[in-house]
C-alpha cells in the first residue's frame, strides 16, 4: 500500500477474498462455496498422486487410484497462530462394512496453505485411533506427529510439496 493511502476496508478485503475464490474455482482448484481448505487438499492430493477425483456427491470418499482401485477420503487442517489444533473434520460411517474408503489422505497446512506434513493412513489405523462422537454421528481423528510413526502410514509430504509448485 502506498504511503499515506487509506488501508482497505473490511468490505473491500472480503470482496477480494470472494474474487480470489472465484478465480480458484475457474482454475478447478476448489469445487464448492465452502472453506477452501478441504477443496484445496482434494485438488492437491489428486494432482500429486494422479488420482481420479470423485463427484462431490460421492459418499465417504473423495478420490480413487485408478491403478490400485483404492478409495481415498481426503482431510486437511490449516494451522494458524490462533488455532494449532490438529483434529480433522469428522469422519462418517467409519464402522461400516466394508468401510467407505481404503485410506485416509491427510494434510496439515501452515497459515498460508504451505504443506507442513501429509500422510496416507490405512482405514484400519484410522479405526484404531479415531474416537466415536455420538452427538455428531462421526469419528474424531487427530493428526498428531505420532501418526507418521505408525507402521503402514506413508509420508507423502514431499510429493504434496512438489505438487504445490
N, C-alpha and C. Protein backbone atom coordinates (compact mmCIF):
# COMPACT_ATOMS: atom_id res chain seq x y z
N UNK A 1 0.85 -1.17 0.00
CA UNK A 1 0.00 0.00 0.00
C UNK A 1 0.90 1.23 0.00
N UNK A 2 0.62 2.20 -0.87
CA UNK A 2 1.43 3.41 -0.94
C UNK A 2 1.36 4.19 0.37
N UNK A 3 2.44 4.86 0.69
CA UNK A 3 2.49 5.66 1.91
C UNK A 3 1.41 6.72 1.87
N UNK A 4 0.68 6.86 2.97
CA UNK A 4 -0.37 7.87 3.06
C UNK A 4 -1.73 7.41 2.57
N UNK A 5 -1.80 6.27 1.91
CA UNK A 5 -3.09 5.77 1.40
C UNK A 5 -3.87 5.12 2.54
N UNK A 6 -5.17 5.23 2.45
CA UNK A 6 -6.02 4.59 3.45
C UNK A 6 -5.94 3.07 3.29
N UNK A 7 -5.92 2.34 4.41
CA UNK A 7 -5.94 0.87 4.30
C UNK A 7 -7.29 0.44 3.74
N UNK A 8 -7.33 -0.73 3.09
CA UNK A 8 -8.61 -1.20 2.56
C UNK A 8 -9.58 -1.46 3.70
N UNK A 9 -10.86 -1.30 3.40
CA UNK A 9 -11.90 -1.56 4.40
C UNK A 9 -12.13 -3.06 4.51
N UNK A 10 -12.82 -3.45 5.55
CA UNK A 10 -13.18 -4.86 5.72
C UNK A 10 -13.99 -5.34 4.52
N UNK A 11 -14.92 -4.52 4.06
CA UNK A 11 -15.75 -4.90 2.93
C UNK A 11 -14.90 -5.09 1.67
N UNK A 12 -13.93 -4.21 1.45
CA UNK A 12 -13.06 -4.35 0.29
C UNK A 12 -12.24 -5.64 0.37
N UNK A 13 -11.70 -5.93 1.55
CA UNK A 13 -10.91 -7.15 1.72
C UNK A 13 -11.75 -8.39 1.51
N UNK A 14 -12.98 -8.40 2.02
CA UNK A 14 -13.86 -9.55 1.81
C UNK A 14 -14.22 -9.70 0.34
N UNK A 15 -14.39 -8.58 -0.36
CA UNK A 15 -14.64 -8.63 -1.80
C UNK A 15 -13.47 -9.25 -2.54
N UNK A 16 -12.26 -8.91 -2.13
CA UNK A 16 -11.07 -9.51 -2.74
C UNK A 16 -11.01 -11.01 -2.46
N UNK A 17 -11.42 -11.38 -1.27
CA UNK A 17 -11.47 -12.80 -0.90
C UNK A 17 -12.44 -13.55 -1.83
N UNK A 18 -13.61 -12.99 -2.05
CA UNK A 18 -14.60 -13.61 -2.93
C UNK A 18 -14.05 -13.72 -4.35
N UNK A 19 -13.38 -12.67 -4.81
CA UNK A 19 -12.79 -12.70 -6.16
C UNK A 19 -11.71 -13.78 -6.26
N UNK A 20 -10.90 -13.90 -5.22
CA UNK A 20 -9.84 -14.93 -5.22
C UNK A 20 -10.46 -16.33 -5.27
N UNK A 21 -11.52 -16.55 -4.51
CA UNK A 21 -12.19 -17.86 -4.52
C UNK A 21 -12.80 -18.14 -5.90
N UNK A 22 -13.37 -17.13 -6.52
CA UNK A 22 -13.93 -17.31 -7.86
C UNK A 22 -12.84 -17.71 -8.85
N UNK A 23 -11.67 -17.11 -8.77
CA UNK A 23 -10.56 -17.47 -9.64
C UNK A 23 -10.09 -18.90 -9.37
N UNK A 24 -10.04 -19.29 -8.09
CA UNK A 24 -9.65 -20.66 -7.76
C UNK A 24 -10.66 -21.67 -8.31
N UNK A 25 -11.95 -21.31 -8.31
CA UNK A 25 -12.97 -22.19 -8.91
C UNK A 25 -12.76 -22.30 -10.42
N UNK A 26 -12.45 -21.18 -11.08
CA UNK A 26 -12.20 -21.21 -12.53
C UNK A 26 -11.02 -22.13 -12.86
N UNK A 27 -10.02 -22.14 -11.99
CA UNK A 27 -8.85 -22.99 -12.18
C UNK A 27 -9.10 -24.44 -11.77
N UNK A 28 -10.29 -24.71 -11.23
CA UNK A 28 -10.70 -26.04 -10.76
C UNK A 28 -9.88 -26.50 -9.55
N UNK A 29 -9.33 -25.54 -8.80
CA UNK A 29 -8.61 -25.86 -7.58
C UNK A 29 -9.60 -26.12 -6.45
N UNK A 30 -10.68 -25.36 -6.42
CA UNK A 30 -11.75 -25.61 -5.45
C UNK A 30 -13.03 -25.88 -6.20
N UNK A 31 -13.94 -26.64 -5.55
CA UNK A 31 -15.17 -27.06 -6.24
C UNK A 31 -16.44 -26.55 -5.57
N UNK A 32 -16.34 -26.06 -4.35
CA UNK A 32 -17.54 -25.68 -3.61
C UNK A 32 -17.44 -24.25 -3.12
N UNK A 33 -18.49 -23.82 -2.44
CA UNK A 33 -18.51 -22.50 -1.82
C UNK A 33 -18.06 -22.56 -0.37
N UNK A 34 -17.62 -23.74 0.08
CA UNK A 34 -17.20 -23.92 1.47
C UNK A 34 -15.81 -23.32 1.69
N UNK A 35 -15.35 -23.41 2.94
CA UNK A 35 -13.98 -23.04 3.27
C UNK A 35 -13.06 -23.76 2.27
N UNK A 36 -12.11 -23.07 1.67
CA UNK A 36 -11.31 -23.70 0.61
C UNK A 36 -10.30 -24.74 1.07
N UNK A 37 -10.09 -24.91 2.36
CA UNK A 37 -9.06 -25.83 2.84
C UNK A 37 -9.28 -27.26 2.35
N UNK A 38 -10.48 -27.78 2.51
CA UNK A 38 -10.77 -29.14 2.08
C UNK A 38 -10.70 -29.32 0.58
N UNK A 39 -11.27 -28.38 -0.16
CA UNK A 39 -11.22 -28.46 -1.62
C UNK A 39 -9.79 -28.39 -2.12
N UNK A 40 -8.99 -27.51 -1.52
CA UNK A 40 -7.59 -27.39 -1.94
C UNK A 40 -6.83 -28.69 -1.65
N UNK A 41 -7.09 -29.28 -0.49
CA UNK A 41 -6.43 -30.55 -0.15
C UNK A 41 -6.80 -31.63 -1.17
N UNK A 42 -8.07 -31.71 -1.54
CA UNK A 42 -8.50 -32.69 -2.54
C UNK A 42 -7.78 -32.46 -3.86
N UNK A 43 -7.76 -31.23 -4.31
CA UNK A 43 -7.10 -30.89 -5.58
C UNK A 43 -5.62 -31.25 -5.51
N UNK A 44 -4.97 -30.93 -4.40
CA UNK A 44 -3.54 -31.16 -4.26
C UNK A 44 -3.21 -32.65 -4.23
N UNK A 45 -3.98 -33.45 -3.49
CA UNK A 45 -3.74 -34.89 -3.47
C UNK A 45 -3.97 -35.50 -4.86
N UNK A 46 -5.05 -35.12 -5.51
CA UNK A 46 -5.33 -35.66 -6.85
C UNK A 46 -4.19 -35.33 -7.80
N UNK A 47 -3.71 -34.11 -7.72
CA UNK A 47 -2.61 -33.67 -8.58
C UNK A 47 -1.31 -34.41 -8.26
N UNK A 48 -1.00 -34.52 -6.97
CA UNK A 48 0.27 -35.14 -6.56
C UNK A 48 0.29 -36.64 -6.80
N UNK A 49 -0.85 -37.30 -6.56
CA UNK A 49 -0.89 -38.76 -6.60
C UNK A 49 -1.46 -39.32 -7.90
N UNK A 50 -1.92 -38.44 -8.77
CA UNK A 50 -2.53 -38.82 -10.05
C UNK A 50 -3.78 -39.67 -9.87
N UNK A 51 -4.59 -39.29 -8.89
CA UNK A 51 -5.85 -39.97 -8.64
C UNK A 51 -6.96 -39.36 -9.47
N UNK A 52 -8.08 -40.05 -9.52
CA UNK A 52 -9.28 -39.54 -10.18
C UNK A 52 -10.20 -38.97 -9.10
N UNK A 53 -10.56 -37.69 -9.21
CA UNK A 53 -11.47 -37.13 -8.20
C UNK A 53 -12.87 -37.68 -8.37
N UNK A 54 -13.56 -37.83 -7.27
CA UNK A 54 -14.95 -38.27 -7.30
C UNK A 54 -15.85 -37.04 -7.36
N UNK A 55 -17.09 -37.26 -7.74
CA UNK A 55 -18.07 -36.17 -7.72
C UNK A 55 -18.30 -35.75 -6.27
N UNK A 56 -18.72 -34.51 -6.09
CA UNK A 56 -18.98 -34.00 -4.74
C UNK A 56 -20.01 -34.84 -3.99
N UNK A 57 -20.86 -35.54 -4.73
CA UNK A 57 -21.93 -36.31 -4.10
C UNK A 57 -21.49 -37.71 -3.66
N UNK A 58 -20.25 -38.10 -3.96
CA UNK A 58 -19.78 -39.44 -3.56
C UNK A 58 -19.77 -39.53 -2.04
N UNK A 59 -20.31 -40.61 -1.51
CA UNK A 59 -20.42 -40.76 -0.07
C UNK A 59 -19.20 -41.50 0.49
N UNK A 60 -18.46 -40.83 1.36
CA UNK A 60 -17.40 -41.49 2.10
C UNK A 60 -16.01 -41.51 1.49
N UNK A 61 -15.87 -41.03 0.27
CA UNK A 61 -14.53 -40.95 -0.32
C UNK A 61 -14.49 -39.83 -1.34
N UNK A 62 -13.28 -39.35 -1.61
CA UNK A 62 -13.10 -38.17 -2.46
C UNK A 62 -12.34 -38.44 -3.75
N UNK A 63 -11.57 -39.52 -3.78
CA UNK A 63 -10.76 -39.82 -4.97
C UNK A 63 -10.48 -41.32 -5.03
N UNK A 64 -10.11 -41.76 -6.24
CA UNK A 64 -9.80 -43.17 -6.47
C UNK A 64 -8.48 -43.26 -7.22
N UNK A 65 -7.65 -44.19 -6.80
CA UNK A 65 -6.45 -44.53 -7.55
C UNK A 65 -6.91 -45.53 -8.61
N UNK A 66 -6.89 -45.13 -9.87
CA UNK A 66 -7.42 -45.99 -10.92
C UNK A 66 -6.56 -47.22 -11.18
N UNK A 67 -5.31 -47.21 -10.70
CA UNK A 67 -4.44 -48.38 -10.86
C UNK A 67 -4.76 -49.42 -9.79
N UNK A 68 -4.73 -49.00 -8.53
CA UNK A 68 -4.96 -49.95 -7.42
C UNK A 68 -6.44 -50.08 -7.07
N UNK A 69 -7.26 -49.17 -7.56
CA UNK A 69 -8.70 -49.09 -7.27
C UNK A 69 -9.00 -48.80 -5.80
N UNK A 70 -8.00 -48.30 -5.08
CA UNK A 70 -8.24 -47.90 -3.68
C UNK A 70 -8.97 -46.57 -3.64
N UNK A 71 -9.86 -46.46 -2.64
CA UNK A 71 -10.63 -45.23 -2.42
C UNK A 71 -9.98 -44.43 -1.30
N UNK A 72 -9.95 -43.12 -1.48
CA UNK A 72 -9.32 -42.23 -0.52
C UNK A 72 -10.30 -41.17 -0.02
N UNK A 73 -10.37 -41.04 1.29
CA UNK A 73 -11.06 -39.90 1.87
C UNK A 73 -9.96 -38.89 2.18
N UNK A 74 -10.18 -37.65 1.81
CA UNK A 74 -9.16 -36.62 1.94
C UNK A 74 -9.60 -35.61 3.00
N UNK A 75 -8.71 -35.37 3.96
CA UNK A 75 -8.98 -34.42 5.05
C UNK A 75 -7.78 -33.51 5.21
N UNK A 76 -8.06 -32.29 5.68
CA UNK A 76 -6.99 -31.32 5.88
C UNK A 76 -7.28 -30.45 7.09
N UNK A 77 -6.22 -29.89 7.60
CA UNK A 77 -6.34 -28.91 8.68
C UNK A 77 -5.33 -27.81 8.40
N UNK A 78 -5.78 -26.57 8.48
CA UNK A 78 -4.90 -25.41 8.33
C UNK A 78 -4.55 -24.91 9.72
N UNK A 79 -3.26 -24.92 10.04
CA UNK A 79 -2.80 -24.49 11.34
C UNK A 79 -2.41 -23.02 11.28
N UNK A 80 -2.83 -22.28 12.29
CA UNK A 80 -2.50 -20.86 12.36
C UNK A 80 -2.00 -20.54 13.76
N UNK A 81 -1.53 -19.32 13.94
CA UNK A 81 -1.06 -18.93 15.28
C UNK A 81 -2.21 -18.95 16.28
N UNK A 82 -3.43 -18.73 15.80
CA UNK A 82 -4.59 -18.74 16.69
C UNK A 82 -5.26 -20.09 16.83
N UNK A 83 -4.88 -21.06 15.99
CA UNK A 83 -5.51 -22.38 16.06
C UNK A 83 -4.52 -23.44 15.58
N UNK A 84 -3.94 -24.14 16.52
CA UNK A 84 -2.97 -25.18 16.18
C UNK A 84 -3.53 -26.58 16.41
N UNK A 85 -4.85 -26.68 16.63
CA UNK A 85 -5.49 -27.98 16.84
C UNK A 85 -5.36 -28.82 15.57
N UNK A 86 -5.11 -30.10 15.72
CA UNK A 86 -4.90 -30.98 14.58
C UNK A 86 -6.06 -31.93 14.34
N UNK A 87 -7.19 -31.66 14.96
CA UNK A 87 -8.36 -32.50 14.73
C UNK A 87 -8.89 -32.25 13.32
N UNK A 88 -9.06 -33.32 12.57
CA UNK A 88 -9.62 -33.22 11.23
C UNK A 88 -11.14 -33.13 11.34
N UNK A 89 -11.81 -32.78 10.25
CA UNK A 89 -13.27 -32.78 10.29
C UNK A 89 -13.73 -34.21 10.53
N UNK A 90 -14.93 -34.35 11.07
CA UNK A 90 -15.42 -35.66 11.47
C UNK A 90 -15.53 -36.62 10.28
N UNK A 91 -15.22 -37.87 10.56
CA UNK A 91 -15.28 -38.94 9.57
C UNK A 91 -16.59 -39.69 9.81
N UNK A 92 -17.33 -39.91 8.77
CA UNK A 92 -18.63 -40.59 8.87
C UNK A 92 -18.51 -42.06 8.43
N UNK A 93 -19.39 -42.88 8.97
CA UNK A 93 -19.55 -44.28 8.55
C UNK A 93 -18.27 -45.11 8.68
N UNK A 94 -17.43 -44.76 9.63
CA UNK A 94 -16.17 -45.47 9.80
C UNK A 94 -16.38 -46.93 10.22
N UNK A 95 -17.51 -47.19 10.87
CA UNK A 95 -17.80 -48.55 11.34
C UNK A 95 -18.41 -49.44 10.25
N UNK A 96 -18.74 -48.86 9.11
CA UNK A 96 -19.41 -49.60 8.03
C UNK A 96 -18.53 -50.73 7.51
N UNK A 97 -19.19 -51.81 7.07
CA UNK A 97 -18.51 -52.94 6.44
C UNK A 97 -19.07 -53.12 5.04
N UNK A 98 -18.30 -53.01 4.00
CA UNK A 98 -16.92 -52.56 4.01
C UNK A 98 -16.85 -51.07 4.32
N UNK A 99 -15.69 -50.58 4.73
CA UNK A 99 -15.57 -49.15 5.02
C UNK A 99 -15.74 -48.32 3.75
N UNK A 100 -16.14 -47.07 3.88
CA UNK A 100 -16.37 -46.24 2.69
C UNK A 100 -15.10 -45.85 1.94
N UNK A 101 -13.95 -46.02 2.59
CA UNK A 101 -12.67 -45.70 1.95
C UNK A 101 -11.62 -46.69 2.41
N UNK A 102 -10.53 -46.78 1.65
CA UNK A 102 -9.43 -47.68 1.99
C UNK A 102 -8.32 -46.96 2.76
N UNK A 103 -8.14 -45.70 2.42
CA UNK A 103 -7.06 -44.90 3.01
C UNK A 103 -7.56 -43.49 3.28
N UNK A 104 -7.06 -42.94 4.37
CA UNK A 104 -7.28 -41.53 4.66
C UNK A 104 -6.05 -40.78 4.17
N UNK A 105 -6.27 -39.82 3.29
CA UNK A 105 -5.20 -38.94 2.82
C UNK A 105 -5.35 -37.65 3.62
N UNK A 106 -4.35 -37.34 4.45
CA UNK A 106 -4.48 -36.21 5.36
C UNK A 106 -3.29 -35.28 5.23
N UNK A 107 -3.58 -33.99 5.32
CA UNK A 107 -2.52 -32.99 5.21
C UNK A 107 -2.72 -31.90 6.25
N UNK A 108 -1.60 -31.45 6.78
CA UNK A 108 -1.58 -30.27 7.65
C UNK A 108 -0.98 -29.13 6.84
N UNK A 109 -1.73 -28.04 6.76
CA UNK A 109 -1.25 -26.84 6.08
C UNK A 109 -0.81 -25.81 7.11
N UNK A 110 0.14 -25.00 6.71
CA UNK A 110 0.51 -23.85 7.51
C UNK A 110 -0.45 -22.70 7.24
N UNK A 111 -0.22 -21.54 7.86
CA UNK A 111 -1.13 -20.41 7.74
C UNK A 111 -1.38 -19.94 6.31
N UNK A 112 -0.39 -20.08 5.43
CA UNK A 112 -0.54 -19.65 4.04
C UNK A 112 -0.71 -20.84 3.10
N UNK A 113 -1.23 -21.92 3.62
CA UNK A 113 -1.54 -23.14 2.87
C UNK A 113 -0.30 -23.90 2.40
N UNK A 114 0.85 -23.63 2.99
CA UNK A 114 2.02 -24.43 2.67
C UNK A 114 1.89 -25.79 3.36
N UNK A 115 2.34 -26.84 2.69
CA UNK A 115 2.23 -28.19 3.25
C UNK A 115 3.25 -28.34 4.38
N UNK A 116 2.75 -28.66 5.56
CA UNK A 116 3.63 -28.95 6.70
C UNK A 116 3.94 -30.44 6.71
N UNK A 117 2.89 -31.26 6.72
CA UNK A 117 3.05 -32.72 6.69
C UNK A 117 1.84 -33.33 6.01
N UNK A 118 2.06 -34.46 5.37
CA UNK A 118 0.96 -35.18 4.71
C UNK A 118 1.21 -36.67 4.81
N UNK A 119 0.12 -37.44 4.90
CA UNK A 119 0.25 -38.88 5.06
C UNK A 119 -0.92 -39.61 4.41
N UNK A 120 -0.65 -40.87 4.05
CA UNK A 120 -1.69 -41.81 3.64
C UNK A 120 -1.81 -42.81 4.77
N UNK A 121 -3.02 -42.92 5.32
CA UNK A 121 -3.24 -43.70 6.53
C UNK A 121 -4.28 -44.79 6.25
N UNK A 122 -3.92 -46.06 6.43
CA UNK A 122 -4.88 -47.13 6.19
C UNK A 122 -6.12 -46.99 7.08
N UNK A 123 -7.27 -47.38 6.55
CA UNK A 123 -8.52 -47.26 7.28
C UNK A 123 -8.45 -48.01 8.62
N UNK A 124 -7.71 -49.11 8.66
CA UNK A 124 -7.60 -49.87 9.92
C UNK A 124 -6.93 -49.03 11.01
N UNK A 125 -5.94 -48.24 10.63
CA UNK A 125 -5.26 -47.35 11.58
C UNK A 125 -6.22 -46.26 12.03
N UNK A 126 -6.97 -45.71 11.08
CA UNK A 126 -7.95 -44.67 11.42
C UNK A 126 -8.97 -45.22 12.41
N UNK A 127 -9.48 -46.41 12.14
CA UNK A 127 -10.45 -47.04 13.05
C UNK A 127 -9.87 -47.23 14.44
N UNK A 128 -8.61 -47.63 14.51
CA UNK A 128 -7.95 -47.88 15.78
C UNK A 128 -7.72 -46.60 16.57
N UNK A 129 -7.42 -45.50 15.89
CA UNK A 129 -7.03 -44.26 16.57
C UNK A 129 -8.17 -43.24 16.71
N UNK A 130 -9.21 -43.40 15.93
CA UNK A 130 -10.32 -42.44 15.98
C UNK A 130 -11.23 -42.72 17.19
N UNK A 131 -11.91 -41.68 17.62
CA UNK A 131 -12.84 -41.78 18.75
C UNK A 131 -14.24 -41.42 18.23
N UNK A 132 -15.20 -42.28 18.54
CA UNK A 132 -16.58 -42.01 18.11
C UNK A 132 -17.17 -40.89 18.95
N UNK A 133 -17.85 -39.96 18.28
CA UNK A 133 -18.55 -38.87 18.95
C UNK A 133 -20.01 -38.98 18.54
N UNK A 134 -20.79 -39.63 19.39
CA UNK A 134 -22.18 -39.95 19.04
C UNK A 134 -23.03 -38.72 18.75
N UNK A 135 -22.82 -37.64 19.50
CA UNK A 135 -23.68 -36.46 19.32
C UNK A 135 -23.55 -35.82 17.94
N UNK A 136 -22.44 -36.09 17.23
CA UNK A 136 -22.29 -35.57 15.87
C UNK A 136 -22.34 -36.69 14.82
N UNK A 137 -22.56 -37.91 15.30
CA UNK A 137 -22.64 -39.07 14.41
C UNK A 137 -21.39 -39.18 13.53
N UNK A 138 -20.24 -39.06 14.17
CA UNK A 138 -18.99 -39.14 13.43
C UNK A 138 -17.84 -39.56 14.31
N UNK A 139 -16.70 -39.66 13.71
CA UNK A 139 -15.49 -40.11 14.38
C UNK A 139 -14.45 -39.00 14.34
N UNK A 140 -13.81 -38.75 15.48
CA UNK A 140 -12.78 -37.72 15.61
C UNK A 140 -11.41 -38.37 15.41
N UNK A 141 -10.64 -37.80 14.49
CA UNK A 141 -9.28 -38.27 14.26
C UNK A 141 -8.36 -37.06 14.36
N UNK A 142 -7.33 -37.18 15.20
CA UNK A 142 -6.37 -36.09 15.40
C UNK A 142 -5.06 -36.48 14.74
N UNK A 143 -4.58 -35.62 13.89
CA UNK A 143 -3.38 -35.88 13.10
C UNK A 143 -2.13 -35.42 13.85
N UNK A 144 -1.78 -36.19 14.88
CA UNK A 144 -0.60 -35.88 15.69
C UNK A 144 0.66 -36.35 14.97
N UNK A 145 1.81 -35.87 15.43
CA UNK A 145 3.08 -36.31 14.84
C UNK A 145 3.29 -37.82 14.97
N UNK A 146 2.71 -38.41 16.01
CA UNK A 146 2.86 -39.86 16.23
C UNK A 146 2.29 -40.68 15.08
N UNK A 147 1.33 -40.14 14.34
CA UNK A 147 0.72 -40.88 13.23
C UNK A 147 1.78 -41.31 12.22
N UNK A 148 2.76 -40.46 11.97
CA UNK A 148 3.77 -40.76 10.95
C UNK A 148 4.69 -41.91 11.37
N UNK A 149 4.64 -42.30 12.63
CA UNK A 149 5.49 -43.39 13.13
C UNK A 149 4.75 -44.73 13.18
N UNK A 150 3.49 -44.75 12.80
CA UNK A 150 2.69 -45.98 12.82
C UNK A 150 3.03 -46.80 11.57
N UNK A 151 3.25 -48.10 11.74
CA UNK A 151 3.52 -48.95 10.57
C UNK A 151 2.39 -48.83 9.54
N UNK A 152 2.76 -48.86 8.28
CA UNK A 152 1.85 -48.79 7.13
C UNK A 152 1.33 -47.39 6.82
N UNK A 153 1.70 -46.39 7.63
CA UNK A 153 1.38 -45.00 7.29
C UNK A 153 2.50 -44.50 6.38
N UNK A 154 2.10 -43.93 5.25
CA UNK A 154 3.07 -43.45 4.26
C UNK A 154 3.17 -41.93 4.31
N UNK A 155 4.37 -41.42 4.50
CA UNK A 155 4.62 -39.99 4.49
C UNK A 155 4.69 -39.52 3.04
N UNK A 156 3.77 -38.63 2.65
CA UNK A 156 3.75 -38.12 1.28
C UNK A 156 3.94 -36.60 1.26
N UNK A 157 4.56 -36.11 2.31
CA UNK A 157 4.77 -34.66 2.44
C UNK A 157 5.48 -34.09 1.22
N UNK A 158 6.58 -34.69 0.82
CA UNK A 158 7.36 -34.13 -0.30
C UNK A 158 6.60 -34.17 -1.61
N UNK A 159 5.81 -35.21 -1.81
CA UNK A 159 5.01 -35.28 -3.06
C UNK A 159 4.01 -34.14 -3.12
N UNK A 160 3.37 -33.85 -1.99
CA UNK A 160 2.42 -32.75 -1.99
C UNK A 160 3.12 -31.40 -2.13
N UNK A 161 4.25 -31.25 -1.51
CA UNK A 161 5.01 -30.00 -1.65
C UNK A 161 5.39 -29.76 -3.11
N UNK A 162 5.84 -30.81 -3.78
CA UNK A 162 6.19 -30.67 -5.21
C UNK A 162 4.96 -30.30 -6.04
N UNK A 163 3.82 -30.85 -5.69
CA UNK A 163 2.60 -30.56 -6.44
C UNK A 163 2.13 -29.13 -6.24
N UNK A 164 2.53 -28.52 -5.13
CA UNK A 164 2.18 -27.12 -4.91
C UNK A 164 2.89 -26.19 -5.89
N UNK A 165 3.98 -26.70 -6.47
CA UNK A 165 4.71 -25.92 -7.45
C UNK A 165 5.55 -24.91 -6.80
